[in-house]
Amino acid sequence: MTKEKFNKIWKLSIFITVLLGGIYIFQISNLTYYACKLTSLKNQHERLREENSFIRLEVSNKEPLFELEKLAEDLNFEKISQVQYIKATKGPVASK
């Protein structure tokens, strides 16, 4: 092997090492970026889920009463006009 071939091989090996190091750094940088992005999106997803449940609760509280009456009619419920209680006699089972 001549000195020129040896220098070419040496320069080529240094170039390949630097190239692989650069690619490695680029990949680690991308991996870190996407890991931070994923964490951010998970936090945003959790916040939006809580906000969605809060909004659903607000909407259910503001639901008009006539829709509940219509739902009761659809389920064949009857309107109550009188309430009567059963009187229990005093004994070991029924106590005051």
C-alpha atoms as a PDB file:
ATOM      1  CA  MET A   1       0.000   0.000   0.000  1.00  0.00           C
ATOM      2  CA  THR A   2       1.270   3.359  -0.918  1.00  0.00           C
ATOM      3  CA  LYS A   3       1.130   6.441   1.175  1.00  0.00           C
ATOM      4  CA  GLU A   4      -1.558   8.002  -1.096  1.00  0.00           C
ATOM      5  CA  LYS A   5      -3.891   5.033  -0.719  1.00  0.00           C
ATOM      6  CA  PHE A   6      -3.336   5.057   3.012  1.00  0.00           C
ATOM      7  CA  ASN A   7      -4.204   8.795   3.175  1.00  0.00           C
ATOM      8  CA  LYS A   8      -7.334   8.250   1.037  1.00  0.00           C
ATOM      9  CA  ILE A   9      -8.522   5.430   3.269  1.00  0.00           C
ATOM     10  CA  TRP A  10      -7.787   7.545   6.357  1.00  0.00           C
ATOM     11  CA  LYS A  11      -9.678  10.569   4.966  1.00  0.00           C
ATOM     12  CA  LEU A  12     -12.577   8.356   3.831  1.00  0.00           C
ATOM     13  CA  SER A  13     -12.870   6.727   7.269  1.00  0.00           C
ATOM     14  CA  ILE A  14     -12.861  10.149   8.986  1.00  0.00           C
ATOM     15  CA  PHE A  15     -15.489  11.415   6.518  1.00  0.00           C
ATOM     16  CA  ILE A  16     -17.715   8.366   7.113  1.00  0.00           C
ATOM     17  CA  THR A  17     -17.318   8.731  10.895  1.00  0.00           C
ATOM     18  CA  VAL A  18     -18.275  12.423  10.768  1.00  0.00           C
ATOM     19  CA  LEU A  19     -21.205  11.636   8.436  1.00  0.00           C
ATOM     20  CA  LEU A  20     -22.529   8.880  10.726  1.00  0.00           C
ATOM     21  CA  GLY A  21     -22.078  11.145  13.756  1.00  0.00           C
ATOM     22  CA  GLY A  22     -24.057  13.896  12.036  1.00  0.00           C
ATOM     23  CA  ILE A  23     -26.855  11.502  11.111  1.00  0.00           C
ATOM     24  CA  TYR A  24     -26.917  10.207  14.692  1.00  0.00           C
ATOM     25  CA  ILE A  25     -27.165  13.736  16.112  1.00  0.00           C
ATOM     26  CA  PHE A  26     -29.925  14.569  13.607  1.00  0.00           C
ATOM     27  CA  GLN A  27     -31.914  11.473  14.589  1.00  0.00           C
ATOM     28  CA  ILE A  28     -31.548  12.138  18.323  1.00  0.00           C
ATOM     29  CA  SER A  29     -32.651  15.733  17.747  1.00  0.00           C
ATOM     30  CA  ASN A  30     -35.753  14.575  15.853  1.00  0.00           C
ATOM     31  CA  LEU A  31     -36.517  11.965  18.493  1.00  0.00           C
ATOM     32  CA  THR A  32     -36.322  14.568  21.248  1.00  0.00           C
ATOM     33  CA  TYR A  33     -38.517  16.980  19.279  1.00  0.00           C
ATOM     34  CA  TYR A  34     -41.232  14.389  18.684  1.00  0.00           C
ATOM     35  CA  ALA A  35     -41.101  13.209  22.313  1.00  0.00           C
ATOM     36  CA  CYS A  36     -41.718  16.789  23.490  1.00  0.00           C
ATOM     37  CA  LYS A  37     -44.464  17.200  20.877  1.00  0.00           C
ATOM     38  CA  LEU A  38     -46.123  13.964  22.032  1.00  0.00           C
ATOM     39  CA  THR A  39     -46.041  15.080  25.674  1.00  0.00           C
ATOM     40  CA  SER A  40     -47.539  18.421  24.702  1.00  0.00           C
ATOM     41  CA  LEU A  41     -50.311  16.736  22.706  1.00  0.00           C
ATOM     42  CA  LYS A  42     -51.099  14.363  25.574  1.00  0.00           C
ATOM     43  CA  ASN A  43     -51.441  17.299  27.955  1.00  0.00           C
ATOM     44  CA  GLN A  44     -53.643  19.132  25.449  1.00  0.00           C
ATOM     45  CA  HIS A  45     -55.765  16.001  24.974  1.00  0.00           C
ATOM     46  CA  GLU A  46     -56.283  15.660  28.738  1.00  0.00           C
ATOM     47  CA  ARG A  47     -57.183  19.346  29.074  1.00  0.00           C
ATOM     48  CA  LEU A  48     -59.665  19.121  26.189  1.00  0.00           C
ATOM     49  CA  ARG A  49     -61.207  15.964  27.666  1.00  0.00           C
ATOM     50  CA  GLU A  50     -61.790  17.750  30.988  1.00  0.00           C
ATOM     51  CA  GLU A  51     -63.191  20.787  29.178  1.00  0.00           C
ATOM     52  CA  ASN A  52     -65.489  18.541  27.131  1.00  0.00           C
ATOM     53  CA  SER A  53     -66.871  16.844  30.241  1.00  0.00           C
ATOM     54  CA  PHE A  54     -67.412  20.252  31.879  1.00  0.00           C
ATOM     55  CA  ILE A  55     -69.283  21.509  28.791  1.00  0.00           C
ATOM     56  CA  ARG A  56     -71.430  18.356  28.709  1.00  0.00           C
ATOM     57  CA  LEU A  57     -72.300  18.894  32.365  1.00  0.00           C
ATOM     58  CA  GLU A  58     -73.265  22.517  31.661  1.00  0.00           C
ATOM     59  CA  VAL A  59     -75.464  21.476  28.731  1.00  0.00           C
ATOM     60  CA  SER A  60     -77.183  18.763  30.748  1.00  0.00           C
ATOM     61  CA  ASN A  61     -77.909  21.292  33.521  1.00  0.00           C
ATOM     62  CA  LYS A  62     -79.431  23.720  31.019  1.00  0.00           C
ATOM     63  CA  GLU A  63     -81.618  21.042  29.388  1.00  0.00           C
ATOM     64  CA  PRO A  64     -85.171  22.392  29.199  1.00  0.00           C
ATOM     65  CA  LEU A  65     -87.835  20.748  31.353  1.00  0.00           C
ATOM     66  CA  PHE A  66     -90.260  20.169  28.471  1.00  0.00           C
ATOM     67  CA  GLU A  67     -87.829  17.737  26.872  1.00  0.00           C
ATOM     68  CA  LEU A  68     -87.808  15.700  30.075  1.00  0.00           C
ATOM     69  CA  GLU A  69     -91.608  15.670  30.067  1.00  0.00           C
ATOM     70  CA  LYS A  70     -91.588  14.498  26.443  1.00  0.00           C
ATOM     71  CA  LEU A  71     -89.101  11.764  27.341  1.00  0.00           C
ATOM     72  CA  ALA A  72     -91.358  10.652  30.228  1.00  0.00           C
ATOM     73  CA  GLU A  73     -94.326  10.460  27.826  1.00  0.00           C
ATOM     74  CA  ASP A  74     -92.278   8.433  25.357  1.00  0.00           C
ATOM     75  CA  LEU A  75     -91.417   5.977  28.141  1.00  0.00           C
ATOM     76  CA  ASN A  76     -95.119   5.700  29.071  1.00  0.00           C
ATOM     77  CA  PHE A  77     -94.761   7.261  32.517  1.00  0.00           C
ATOM     78  CA  GLU A  78     -97.882   8.648  34.129  1.00  0.00           C
ATOM     79  CA  LYS A  79     -98.293  12.058  35.689  1.00  0.00           C
ATOM     80  CA  ILE A  80     -98.673  11.882  39.458  1.00  0.00           C
ATOM     81  CA  SER A  81    -101.608  13.780  40.881  1.00  0.00           C
ATOM     82  CA  GLN A  82    -101.720  12.427  44.447  1.00  0.00           C
ATOM     83  CA  VAL A  83     -99.170  10.901  46.754  1.00  0.00           C
ATOM     84  CA  GLN A  84    -100.337   8.443  49.394  1.00  0.00           C
ATOM     85  CA  TYR A  85     -98.127   6.818  51.964  1.00  0.00           C
ATOM     86  CA  ILE A  86     -98.608   3.392  53.472  1.00  0.00           C
ATOM     87  CA  LYS A  87     -99.083   3.574  57.222  1.00  0.00           C
ATOM     88  CA  ALA A  88     -97.075   1.011  59.084  1.00  0.00           C
ATOM     89  CA  THR A  89     -98.202  -0.266  62.444  1.00  0.00           C
ATOM     90  CA  LYS A  90     -95.771  -0.218  65.308  1.00  0.00           C
ATOM     91  CA  GLY A  91     -93.985  -3.449  65.721  1.00  0.00           C
ATOM     92  CA  PRO A  92     -90.533  -5.024  65.714  1.00  0.00           C
ATOM     93  CA  VAL A  93     -90.039  -4.400  61.976  1.00  0.00           C
ATOM     94  CA  ALA A  94     -91.427  -0.908  61.644  1.00  0.00           C
ATOM     95  CA  SER A  95     -90.147   1.571  64.181  1.00  0.00           C
ATOM     96  CA  LYS A  96     -90.366   5.310  64.461  1.00  0.00           C
END
